[in-house]
Amino acid sequence: MQTGNMSAAARLVCITPSAVSKTIAHTELQLGYKLFTRAKGALAPTPEAMVLFDESTAIHGKLEDLRKIAHNLRQVAQGRVRMAALPSVSDELLPAVLQQHAQRYPGVHVEVRTLHQDQMAQALLTRAVDFALGFYPHPHPQLTGSQLANGALYAAMPRDTWQRAMRANRRDPMGFLAGTPLIRLVGDDPMREFINELARVLRVTVEPTIEVQTSRLALELVRRGMGWTVVDFLTAANLDPQYMVALELRDLPPIPLYAYHATASPPGQHALRMLELLRIQPGLAPARAEPEAETLAA
């Protein structure tokens, strides 16, 4: 199916072309129907072969997951924590947590993977990681989530953009942003829906020429004066106030930070200690940037 001819298939699996031919013929004899039609050395799959190929691909995928689980179970040793997190959580929250954990538990080995929301289920179900951190409840039915914190969403923009907005309309500076490009997110990021809703409410008329997958890249574009964007409370707390302004979006619902784990394999003691450190981080408190304070600064 992958190579289209006997010789290439033989090279792929390191056997002779005649062995490939005999295996196909034996399988067809057992099944009672043809899997391939042969013409000038090329193999064309029959409709029955296509159905079997789709089904067998799913089975092979499960077998690969089983192989990973078996390997990862062997790797799980005492004194090891394996975790995954969204890029914004990895960048903004984890450095301080990892430093504190290393000081408290110097003998515990920690592995951190930066994953997007749609990659977490496989990592958890194959036990590649003990738990994962992300925003909003994860929809996968075999994952269990617990909320660690709740925080606001913020509009992030260059300080000079905010100052121009205040000069243009001191009573409604956010209205100024309707004529400024909004850097939006693509992919399955849950924040994407809220950003699009905010654009609708503000009646943003200038469409961006660039849409990105991560808040970090969106912020870099904002720093370069290409527009403004929406960030979570962790990211907002770590913006440089000399160059950036973060305004709390009070009309949007708060964004919850969750820890996920596979329902069938809850975190062990070392992972639970790491989660406890996460819960007591000062950075989990919502970062406030009041419009009135920005008005005085301007």
C-alpha atoms as a PDB file:
ATOM      1  CA  MET A   1       0.000   0.000   0.000  1.00  0.00           C
ATOM      2  CA  GLN A   2       2.822   2.429   0.824  1.00  0.00           C
ATOM      3  CA  THR A   3       5.268   1.677  -1.973  1.00  0.00           C
ATOM      4  CA  GLY A   4       3.134   0.531  -4.928  1.00  0.00           C
ATOM      5  CA  ASN A   5       5.412  -2.313  -6.056  1.00  0.00           C
ATOM      6  CA  MET A   6       6.948  -5.552  -4.816  1.00  0.00           C
ATOM      7  CA  SER A   7      10.595  -4.529  -4.962  1.00  0.00           C
ATOM      8  CA  ALA A   8      10.154  -1.326  -2.947  1.00  0.00           C
ATOM      9  CA  ALA A   9       7.989  -3.142  -0.411  1.00  0.00           C
ATOM     10  CA  ALA A  10      10.678  -5.801  -0.058  1.00  0.00           C
ATOM     11  CA  ARG A  11      13.330  -3.163   0.624  1.00  0.00           C
ATOM     12  CA  LEU A  12      11.074  -1.477   3.163  1.00  0.00           C
ATOM     13  CA  VAL A  13      10.675  -4.620   5.284  1.00  0.00           C
ATOM     14  CA  CYS A  14      14.089  -6.156   4.453  1.00  0.00           C
ATOM     15  CA  ILE A  15      12.899  -9.334   2.692  1.00  0.00           C
ATOM     16  CA  THR A  16      13.010 -10.544  -0.919  1.00  0.00           C
ATOM     17  CA  PRO A  17      10.405  -9.523  -3.544  1.00  0.00           C
ATOM     18  CA  SER A  18       9.415 -13.161  -3.920  1.00  0.00           C
ATOM     19  CA  ALA A  19       8.667 -13.344  -0.199  1.00  0.00           C
ATOM     20  CA  VAL A  20       6.419 -10.277  -0.512  1.00  0.00           C
ATOM     21  CA  SER A  21       4.626 -11.850  -3.477  1.00  0.00           C
ATOM     22  CA  LYS A  22       4.095 -15.135  -1.632  1.00  0.00           C
ATOM     23  CA  THR A  23       2.796 -13.342   1.472  1.00  0.00           C
ATOM     24  CA  ILE A  24       0.259 -11.343  -0.552  1.00  0.00           C
ATOM     25  CA  ALA A  25      -0.844 -14.458  -2.464  1.00  0.00           C
ATOM     26  CA  HIS A  26      -1.231 -16.446   0.767  1.00  0.00           C
ATOM     27  CA  THR A  27      -3.270 -13.648   2.371  1.00  0.00           C
ATOM     28  CA  GLU A  28      -5.544 -13.362  -0.677  1.00  0.00           C
ATOM     29  CA  LEU A  29      -6.041 -17.137  -0.628  1.00  0.00           C
ATOM     30  CA  GLN A  30      -7.085 -17.022   3.028  1.00  0.00           C
ATOM     31  CA  LEU A  31      -9.431 -14.070   2.494  1.00  0.00           C
ATOM     32  CA  GLY A  32     -10.976 -15.359  -0.708  1.00  0.00           C
ATOM     33  CA  TYR A  33     -10.641 -12.114  -2.651  1.00  0.00           C
ATOM     34  CA  LYS A  34      -7.965  -9.996  -4.288  1.00  0.00           C
ATOM     35  CA  LEU A  35      -6.121  -7.254  -2.430  1.00  0.00           C
ATOM     36  CA  PHE A  36      -4.188  -5.882  -5.413  1.00  0.00           C
ATOM     37  CA  THR A  37      -4.420  -5.830  -9.163  1.00  0.00           C
ATOM     38  CA  ARG A  38      -1.091  -6.135 -10.937  1.00  0.00           C
ATOM     39  CA  ALA A  39      -0.113  -4.242 -14.085  1.00  0.00           C
ATOM     40  CA  LYS A  40       3.440  -3.742 -15.397  1.00  0.00           C
ATOM     41  CA  GLY A  41       5.031  -4.379 -12.024  1.00  0.00           C
ATOM     42  CA  ALA A  42       2.793  -1.942 -10.155  1.00  0.00           C
ATOM     43  CA  LEU A  43       0.259  -2.870  -7.473  1.00  0.00           C
ATOM     44  CA  ALA A  44      -3.107  -1.113  -7.383  1.00  0.00           C
ATOM     45  CA  PRO A  45      -5.181  -1.737  -4.219  1.00  0.00           C
ATOM     46  CA  THR A  46      -8.710  -3.077  -4.577  1.00  0.00           C
ATOM     47  CA  PRO A  47     -11.611  -1.390  -2.698  1.00  0.00           C
ATOM     48  CA  GLU A  48     -11.478  -4.241  -0.167  1.00  0.00           C
ATOM     49  CA  ALA A  49      -7.783  -3.564   0.412  1.00  0.00           C
ATOM     50  CA  MET A  50      -8.504   0.124   1.061  1.00  0.00           C
ATOM     51  CA  VAL A  51     -11.051  -0.780   3.768  1.00  0.00           C
ATOM     52  CA  LEU A  52      -8.640  -3.210   5.413  1.00  0.00           C
ATOM     53  CA  PHE A  53      -5.802  -0.707   5.213  1.00  0.00           C
ATOM     54  CA  ASP A  54      -7.824   1.974   7.040  1.00  0.00           C
ATOM     55  CA  GLU A  55      -8.791  -0.481   9.778  1.00  0.00           C
ATOM     56  CA  SER A  56      -5.288  -1.904  10.144  1.00  0.00           C
ATOM     57  CA  THR A  57      -3.815   1.594  10.354  1.00  0.00           C
ATOM     58  CA  ALA A  58      -5.947   2.269  13.426  1.00  0.00           C
ATOM     59  CA  ILE A  59      -4.847  -1.054  14.946  1.00  0.00           C
ATOM     60  CA  HIS A  60      -1.181  -0.310  14.295  1.00  0.00           C
ATOM     61  CA  GLY A  61      -1.675   3.090  15.910  1.00  0.00           C
ATOM     62  CA  LYS A  62      -3.036   1.391  19.028  1.00  0.00           C
ATOM     63  CA  LEU A  63      -0.117  -1.036  19.019  1.00  0.00           C
ATOM     64  CA  GLU A  64       2.283   1.919  18.848  1.00  0.00           C
ATOM     65  CA  ASP A  65       0.485   3.499  21.813  1.00  0.00           C
ATOM     66  CA  LEU A  66       0.846   0.189  23.669  1.00  0.00           C
ATOM     67  CA  ARG A  67       4.572   0.148  22.880  1.00  0.00           C
ATOM     68  CA  LYS A  68       4.919   3.688  24.245  1.00  0.00           C
ATOM     69  CA  ILE A  69       2.998   2.806  27.397  1.00  0.00           C
ATOM     70  CA  ALA A  70       5.176  -0.250  27.993  1.00  0.00           C
ATOM     71  CA  HIS A  71       8.324   1.831  27.467  1.00  0.00           C
ATOM     72  CA  ASN A  72       7.133   4.702  29.653  1.00  0.00           C
ATOM     73  CA  LEU A  73       6.127   2.356  32.481  1.00  0.00           C
ATOM     74  CA  ARG A  74       9.694   1.068  32.515  1.00  0.00           C
ATOM     75  CA  GLN A  75      11.022   4.641  32.591  1.00  0.00           C
ATOM     76  CA  VAL A  76       8.893   5.704  35.553  1.00  0.00           C
ATOM     77  CA  ALA A  77      11.268   5.422  38.457  1.00  0.00           C
ATOM     78  CA  GLN A  78      11.142   6.705  41.986  1.00  0.00           C
ATOM     79  CA  GLY A  79      12.060  10.355  42.122  1.00  0.00           C
ATOM     80  CA  ARG A  80      10.774  11.456  38.711  1.00  0.00           C
ATOM     81  CA  VAL A  81       8.105  13.960  37.671  1.00  0.00           C
ATOM     82  CA  ARG A  82       7.072  14.281  34.046  1.00  0.00           C
ATOM     83  CA  MET A  83       4.787  17.139  33.107  1.00  0.00           C
ATOM     84  CA  ALA A  84       3.501  19.015  30.084  1.00  0.00           C
ATOM     85  CA  ALA A  85       2.187  22.553  29.744  1.00  0.00           C
ATOM     86  CA  LEU A  86       0.931  25.043  27.208  1.00  0.00           C
ATOM     87  CA  PRO A  87       3.625  27.405  25.876  1.00  0.00           C
ATOM     88  CA  SER A  88       2.337  30.380  27.866  1.00  0.00           C
ATOM     89  CA  VAL A  89       2.280  28.342  31.092  1.00  0.00           C
ATOM     90  CA  SER A  90       5.763  26.944  30.444  1.00  0.00           C
ATOM     91  CA  ASP A  91       7.203  30.370  29.708  1.00  0.00           C
ATOM     92  CA  GLU A  92       5.498  32.472  32.369  1.00  0.00           C
ATOM     93  CA  LEU A  93       4.790  30.218  35.363  1.00  0.00           C
ATOM     94  CA  LEU A  94       7.050  27.167  35.387  1.00  0.00           C
ATOM     95  CA  PRO A  95      10.533  28.745  35.787  1.00  0.00           C
ATOM     96  CA  ALA A  96       9.784  29.907  39.340  1.00  0.00           C
ATOM     97  CA  VAL A  97       8.024  26.637  40.196  1.00  0.00           C
ATOM     98  CA  LEU A  98      10.900  24.521  38.901  1.00  0.00           C
ATOM     99  CA  GLN A  99      13.407  26.581  40.876  1.00  0.00           C
ATOM    100  CA  GLN A 100      11.440  26.116  44.106  1.00  0.00           C
ATOM    101  CA  HIS A 101      10.958  22.406  43.434  1.00  0.00           C
ATOM    102  CA  ALA A 102      14.681  21.892  42.810  1.00  0.00           C
ATOM    103  CA  GLN A 103      15.468  23.590  46.122  1.00  0.00           C
ATOM    104  CA  ARG A 104      12.949  21.494  48.080  1.00  0.00           C
ATOM    105  CA  TYR A 105      13.433  18.147  46.322  1.00  0.00           C
ATOM    106  CA  PRO A 106      16.932  18.133  44.816  1.00  0.00           C
ATOM    107  CA  GLY A 107      16.877  14.357  44.258  1.00  0.00           C
ATOM    108  CA  VAL A 108      13.753  14.377  42.071  1.00  0.00           C
ATOM    109  CA  HIS A 109      14.314  14.410  38.328  1.00  0.00           C
ATOM    110  CA  VAL A 110      11.855  16.642  36.424  1.00  0.00           C
ATOM    111  CA  GLU A 111      10.940  16.456  32.733  1.00  0.00           C
ATOM    112  CA  VAL A 112       8.930  19.284  31.149  1.00  0.00           C
ATOM    113  CA  ARG A 113       7.335  19.146  27.708  1.00  0.00           C
ATOM    114  CA  THR A 114       5.746  22.125  26.014  1.00  0.00           C
ATOM    115  CA  LEU A 115       2.622  20.926  24.188  1.00  0.00           C
ATOM    116  CA  HIS A 116      -0.485  22.394  22.662  1.00  0.00           C
ATOM    117  CA  GLN A 117      -3.916  21.459  24.003  1.00  0.00           C
ATOM    118  CA  ASP A 118      -4.619  18.887  21.273  1.00  0.00           C
ATOM    119  CA  GLN A 119      -1.340  17.032  22.015  1.00  0.00           C
ATOM    120  CA  MET A 120      -1.947  16.533  25.727  1.00  0.00           C
ATOM    121  CA  ALA A 121      -4.408  13.635  25.590  1.00  0.00           C
ATOM    122  CA  GLN A 122      -1.995  11.290  23.821  1.00  0.00           C
ATOM    123  CA  ALA A 123       0.894  12.228  26.118  1.00  0.00           C
ATOM    124  CA  LEU A 124      -1.241  11.545  29.197  1.00  0.00           C
ATOM    125  CA  LEU A 125      -2.911   8.361  27.959  1.00  0.00           C
ATOM    126  CA  THR A 126       0.400   6.831  26.882  1.00  0.00           C
ATOM    127  CA  ARG A 127       1.903   7.852  30.245  1.00  0.00           C
ATOM    128  CA  ALA A 128       4.580   9.943  28.621  1.00  0.00           C
ATOM    129  CA  VAL A 129       3.739  12.568  31.275  1.00  0.00           C
ATOM    130  CA  ASP A 130       2.161  12.381  34.737  1.00  0.00           C
ATOM    131  CA  PHE A 131       0.051  15.509  34.374  1.00  0.00           C
ATOM    132  CA  ALA A 132      -0.426  18.475  32.079  1.00  0.00           C
ATOM    133  CA  LEU A 133      -1.314  22.141  32.548  1.00  0.00           C
ATOM    134  CA  GLY A 134      -3.663  24.062  30.299  1.00  0.00           C
ATOM    135  CA  PHE A 135      -6.468  26.556  30.199  1.00  0.00           C
ATOM    136  CA  TYR A 136     -10.119  25.447  30.436  1.00  0.00           C
ATOM    137  CA  PRO A 137     -11.377  21.895  31.041  1.00  0.00           C
ATOM    138  CA  HIS A 138      -9.991  19.350  28.584  1.00  0.00           C
ATOM    139  CA  PRO A 139     -12.779  17.708  26.547  1.00  0.00           C
ATOM    140  CA  HIS A 140     -11.234  14.211  26.337  1.00  0.00           C
ATOM    141  CA  PRO A 141     -13.485  11.701  28.197  1.00  0.00           C
ATOM    142  CA  GLN A 142     -10.539   9.744  29.626  1.00  0.00           C
ATOM    143  CA  LEU A 143      -8.907  12.764  31.268  1.00  0.00           C
ATOM    144  CA  THR A 144      -9.656  14.230  34.680  1.00  0.00           C
ATOM    145  CA  GLY A 145      -9.018  17.900  35.388  1.00  0.00           C
ATOM    146  CA  SER A 146      -8.759  19.997  38.545  1.00  0.00           C
ATOM    147  CA  GLN A 147      -8.767  23.778  38.563  1.00  0.00           C
ATOM    148  CA  LEU A 148      -5.639  25.406  39.987  1.00  0.00           C
ATOM    149  CA  ALA A 149      -6.460  29.074  39.526  1.00  0.00           C
ATOM    150  CA  ASN A 150      -8.767  31.566  37.911  1.00  0.00           C
ATOM    151  CA  GLY A 151      -7.659  34.772  36.231  1.00  0.00           C
ATOM    152  CA  ALA A 152      -8.793  37.485  33.882  1.00  0.00           C
ATOM    153  CA  LEU A 153      -8.054  37.933  30.212  1.00  0.00           C
ATOM    154  CA  TYR A 154      -6.150  41.076  29.244  1.00  0.00           C
ATOM    155  CA  ALA A 155      -5.732  43.248  26.197  1.00  0.00           C
ATOM    156  CA  ALA A 156      -2.003  43.706  25.594  1.00  0.00           C
ATOM    157  CA  MET A 157      -0.717  46.618  23.530  1.00  0.00           C
ATOM    158  CA  PRO A 158       2.314  48.919  23.261  1.00  0.00           C
ATOM    159  CA  ARG A 159       2.299  51.759  25.743  1.00  0.00           C
ATOM    160  CA  ASP A 160       2.309  54.380  22.988  1.00  0.00           C
ATOM    161  CA  THR A 161      -0.819  52.751  21.465  1.00  0.00           C
ATOM    162  CA  TRP A 162      -2.618  53.062  24.799  1.00  0.00           C
ATOM    163  CA  GLN A 163      -1.520  56.669  25.178  1.00  0.00           C
ATOM    164  CA  ARG A 164      -2.895  57.481  21.712  1.00  0.00           C
ATOM    165  CA  ALA A 165      -6.159  55.771  22.665  1.00  0.00           C
ATOM    166  CA  MET A 166      -6.440  57.882  25.809  1.00  0.00           C
ATOM    167  CA  ARG A 167      -5.824  61.069  23.848  1.00  0.00           C
ATOM    168  CA  ALA A 168      -8.382  60.072  21.207  1.00  0.00           C
ATOM    169  CA  ASN A 169     -11.171  59.138  23.608  1.00  0.00           C
ATOM    170  CA  ARG A 170     -10.487  59.304  27.341  1.00  0.00           C
ATOM    171  CA  ARG A 171     -13.974  57.987  28.195  1.00  0.00           C
ATOM    172  CA  ASP A 172     -13.799  54.988  25.886  1.00  0.00           C
ATOM    173  CA  PRO A 173     -10.162  54.274  25.011  1.00  0.00           C
ATOM    174  CA  MET A 174     -10.974  50.682  24.076  1.00  0.00           C
ATOM    175  CA  GLY A 175     -13.040  52.010  21.202  1.00  0.00           C
ATOM    176  CA  PHE A 176      -9.808  53.309  19.690  1.00  0.00           C
ATOM    177  CA  LEU A 177      -8.655  49.709  19.276  1.00  0.00           C
ATOM    178  CA  ALA A 178     -11.462  49.007  16.798  1.00  0.00           C
ATOM    179  CA  GLY A 179      -9.324  50.734  14.185  1.00  0.00           C
ATOM    180  CA  THR A 180      -6.133  48.921  15.200  1.00  0.00           C
ATOM    181  CA  PRO A 181      -5.200  45.424  13.934  1.00  0.00           C
ATOM    182  CA  LEU A 182      -6.018  42.643  16.396  1.00  0.00           C
ATOM    183  CA  ILE A 183      -3.482  39.801  16.310  1.00  0.00           C
ATOM    184  CA  ARG A 184      -5.645  36.687  16.545  1.00  0.00           C
ATOM    185  CA  LEU A 185      -4.918  33.034  17.267  1.00  0.00           C
ATOM    186  CA  VAL A 186      -5.409  30.041  15.000  1.00  0.00           C
ATOM    187  CA  GLY A 187      -5.717  26.342  15.822  1.00  0.00           C
ATOM    188  CA  ASP A 188      -7.553  24.831  18.782  1.00  0.00           C
ATOM    189  CA  ASP A 189      -6.503  27.365  21.437  1.00  0.00           C
ATOM    190  CA  PRO A 190      -9.621  27.924  23.624  1.00  0.00           C
ATOM    191  CA  MET A 191      -8.780  31.641  23.852  1.00  0.00           C
ATOM    192  CA  ARG A 192      -9.383  31.988  20.136  1.00  0.00           C
ATOM    193  CA  GLU A 193     -13.170  32.097  20.596  1.00  0.00           C
ATOM    194  CA  PHE A 194     -12.954  34.860  23.203  1.00  0.00           C
ATOM    195  CA  ILE A 195     -10.637  36.943  21.046  1.00  0.00           C
ATOM    196  CA  ASN A 196     -13.033  36.650  18.123  1.00  0.00           C
ATOM    197  CA  GLU A 197     -15.956  37.559  20.383  1.00  0.00           C
ATOM    198  CA  LEU A 198     -14.097  40.621  21.651  1.00  0.00           C
ATOM    199  CA  ALA A 199     -13.416  41.661  18.062  1.00  0.00           C
ATOM    200  CA  ARG A 200     -17.122  41.383  17.339  1.00  0.00           C
ATOM    201  CA  VAL A 201     -18.109  43.418  20.415  1.00  0.00           C
ATOM    202  CA  LEU A 202     -15.566  46.148  19.671  1.00  0.00           C
ATOM    203  CA  ARG A 203     -16.464  46.012  15.971  1.00  0.00           C
ATOM    204  CA  VAL A 204     -12.834  45.725  14.963  1.00  0.00           C
ATOM    205  CA  THR A 205     -12.698  46.934  11.375  1.00  0.00           C
ATOM    206  CA  VAL A 206      -9.005  46.355  10.596  1.00  0.00           C
ATOM    207  CA  GLU A 207      -8.289  42.727   9.810  1.00  0.00           C
ATOM    208  CA  PRO A 208      -4.795  41.392  10.613  1.00  0.00           C
ATOM    209  CA  THR A 209      -2.577  40.114   7.851  1.00  0.00           C
ATOM    210  CA  ILE A 210      -1.035  37.599  10.259  1.00  0.00           C
ATOM    211  CA  GLU A 211      -2.684  35.058  12.581  1.00  0.00           C
ATOM    212  CA  VAL A 212      -0.497  33.001  14.912  1.00  0.00           C
ATOM    213  CA  GLN A 213      -0.701  29.903  17.113  1.00  0.00           C
ATOM    214  CA  THR A 214       0.954  31.103  20.319  1.00  0.00           C
ATOM    215  CA  SER A 215       0.494  34.125  22.547  1.00  0.00           C
ATOM    216  CA  ARG A 216       4.268  34.605  22.707  1.00  0.00           C
ATOM    217  CA  LEU A 217       4.490  35.160  18.955  1.00  0.00           C
ATOM    218  CA  ALA A 218       1.414  37.392  19.064  1.00  0.00           C
ATOM    219  CA  LEU A 219       3.105  39.510  21.751  1.00  0.00           C
ATOM    220  CA  GLU A 220       6.268  39.795  19.702  1.00  0.00           C
ATOM    221  CA  LEU A 221       4.211  41.180  16.822  1.00  0.00           C
ATOM    222  CA  VAL A 222       2.528  43.585  19.252  1.00  0.00           C
ATOM    223  CA  ARG A 223       5.924  44.775  20.511  1.00  0.00           C
ATOM    224  CA  ARG A 224       6.851  45.509  16.915  1.00  0.00           C
ATOM    225  CA  GLY A 225       3.856  47.801  16.599  1.00  0.00           C
ATOM    226  CA  MET A 226       1.777  45.494  14.390  1.00  0.00           C
ATOM    227  CA  GLY A 227      -1.372  45.662  16.539  1.00  0.00           C
ATOM    228  CA  TRP A 228      -2.708  44.416  19.865  1.00  0.00           C
ATOM    229  CA  THR A 229      -3.751  41.023  21.209  1.00  0.00           C
ATOM    230  CA  VAL A 230      -5.429  39.209  24.103  1.00  0.00           C
ATOM    231  CA  VAL A 231      -3.369  37.318  26.698  1.00  0.00           C
ATOM    232  CA  ASP A 232      -4.009  35.242  29.799  1.00  0.00           C
ATOM    233  CA  PHE A 233      -3.352  36.486  33.334  1.00  0.00           C
ATOM    234  CA  LEU A 234      -0.014  34.667  33.591  1.00  0.00           C
ATOM    235  CA  THR A 235       1.338  36.366  30.500  1.00  0.00           C
ATOM    236  CA  ALA A 236      -0.102  39.732  31.516  1.00  0.00           C
ATOM    237  CA  ALA A 237       1.640  39.565  34.906  1.00  0.00           C
ATOM    238  CA  ASN A 238       5.035  39.275  33.230  1.00  0.00           C
ATOM    239  CA  LEU A 239       4.765  42.046  30.627  1.00  0.00           C
ATOM    240  CA  ASP A 240       7.371  44.797  30.791  1.00  0.00           C
ATOM    241  CA  PRO A 241       5.371  47.868  31.958  1.00  0.00           C
ATOM    242  CA  GLN A 242       7.939  50.183  30.433  1.00  0.00           C
ATOM    243  CA  TYR A 243       6.866  49.142  26.947  1.00  0.00           C
ATOM    244  CA  MET A 244       3.578  47.254  27.278  1.00  0.00           C
ATOM    245  CA  VAL A 245       0.158  47.870  28.838  1.00  0.00           C
ATOM    246  CA  ALA A 246      -2.222  45.108  29.970  1.00  0.00           C
ATOM    247  CA  LEU A 247      -5.872  46.076  30.438  1.00  0.00           C
ATOM    248  CA  GLU A 248      -8.228  43.678  32.179  1.00  0.00           C
ATOM    249  CA  LEU A 249     -11.157  42.700  29.965  1.00  0.00           C
ATOM    250  CA  ARG A 250     -13.902  42.735  32.566  1.00  0.00           C
ATOM    251  CA  ASP A 251     -16.639  41.813  30.084  1.00  0.00           C
ATOM    252  CA  LEU A 252     -14.995  38.493  29.198  1.00  0.00           C
ATOM    253  CA  PRO A 253     -15.288  35.477  31.530  1.00  0.00           C
ATOM    254  CA  PRO A 254     -12.212  34.573  33.599  1.00  0.00           C
ATOM    255  CA  ILE A 255      -9.810  31.978  32.237  1.00  0.00           C
ATOM    256  CA  PRO A 256      -9.255  28.930  34.492  1.00  0.00           C
ATOM    257  CA  LEU A 257      -5.914  27.139  34.738  1.00  0.00           C
ATOM    258  CA  TYR A 258      -6.341  23.347  34.950  1.00  0.00           C
ATOM    259  CA  ALA A 259      -4.158  20.368  35.753  1.00  0.00           C
ATOM    260  CA  TYR A 260      -5.096  17.244  33.770  1.00  0.00           C
ATOM    261  CA  HIS A 261      -4.221  13.592  34.283  1.00  0.00           C
ATOM    262  CA  ALA A 262      -5.336  10.314  32.766  1.00  0.00           C
ATOM    263  CA  THR A 263      -8.308   9.089  34.795  1.00  0.00           C
ATOM    264  CA  ALA A 264      -6.861   5.577  34.889  1.00  0.00           C
ATOM    265  CA  SER A 265      -3.465   6.732  36.197  1.00  0.00           C
ATOM    266  CA  PRO A 266      -3.641   9.564  38.760  1.00  0.00           C
ATOM    267  CA  PRO A 267      -0.420  11.418  39.658  1.00  0.00           C
ATOM    268  CA  GLY A 268       1.963   9.868  42.193  1.00  0.00           C
ATOM    269  CA  GLN A 269       3.388  11.526  45.276  1.00  0.00           C
ATOM    270  CA  HIS A 270       6.188  13.381  43.485  1.00  0.00           C
ATOM    271  CA  ALA A 271       3.771  14.806  40.931  1.00  0.00           C
ATOM    272  CA  LEU A 272       1.332  15.785  43.688  1.00  0.00           C
ATOM    273  CA  ARG A 273       4.071  17.754  45.438  1.00  0.00           C
ATOM    274  CA  MET A 274       4.750  19.614  42.207  1.00  0.00           C
ATOM    275  CA  LEU A 275       1.032  20.377  41.828  1.00  0.00           C
ATOM    276  CA  GLU A 276       0.919  21.672  45.401  1.00  0.00           C
ATOM    277  CA  LEU A 277       3.746  24.075  44.587  1.00  0.00           C
ATOM    278  CA  LEU A 278       1.796  25.263  41.564  1.00  0.00           C
ATOM    279  CA  ARG A 279      -1.289  25.992  43.659  1.00  0.00           C
ATOM    280  CA  ILE A 280       0.544  28.343  46.029  1.00  0.00           C
ATOM    281  CA  GLN A 281       2.352  30.414  43.399  1.00  0.00           C
ATOM    282  CA  PRO A 282       1.831  34.179  43.753  1.00  0.00           C
ATOM    283  CA  GLY A 283       1.855  34.396  39.956  1.00  0.00           C
ATOM    284  CA  LEU A 284      -1.472  32.578  39.844  1.00  0.00           C
ATOM    285  CA  ALA A 285      -3.226  35.626  41.300  1.00  0.00           C
ATOM    286  CA  PRO A 286      -4.838  37.742  38.558  1.00  0.00           C
ATOM    287  CA  ALA A 287      -2.539  40.511  37.358  1.00  0.00           C
ATOM    288  CA  ARG A 288      -4.385  43.797  37.613  1.00  0.00           C
ATOM    289  CA  ALA A 289      -3.739  46.704  35.298  1.00  0.00           C
ATOM    290  CA  GLU A 290      -6.460  49.223  36.030  1.00  0.00           C
ATOM    291  CA  PRO A 291      -7.420  51.697  33.271  1.00  0.00           C
ATOM    292  CA  GLU A 292      -7.479  54.505  35.822  1.00  0.00           C
ATOM    293  CA  ALA A 293      -3.865  53.809  36.797  1.00  0.00           C
ATOM    294  CA  GLU A 294      -2.845  53.803  33.168  1.00  0.00           C
ATOM    295  CA  THR A 295      -4.606  57.126  32.707  1.00  0.00           C
ATOM    296  CA  LEU A 296      -2.481  58.686  35.463  1.00  0.00           C
ATOM    297  CA  ALA A 297       0.684  57.178  34.009  1.00  0.00           C
ATOM    298  CA  ALA A 298      -0.160  58.522  30.579  1.00  0.00           C
END
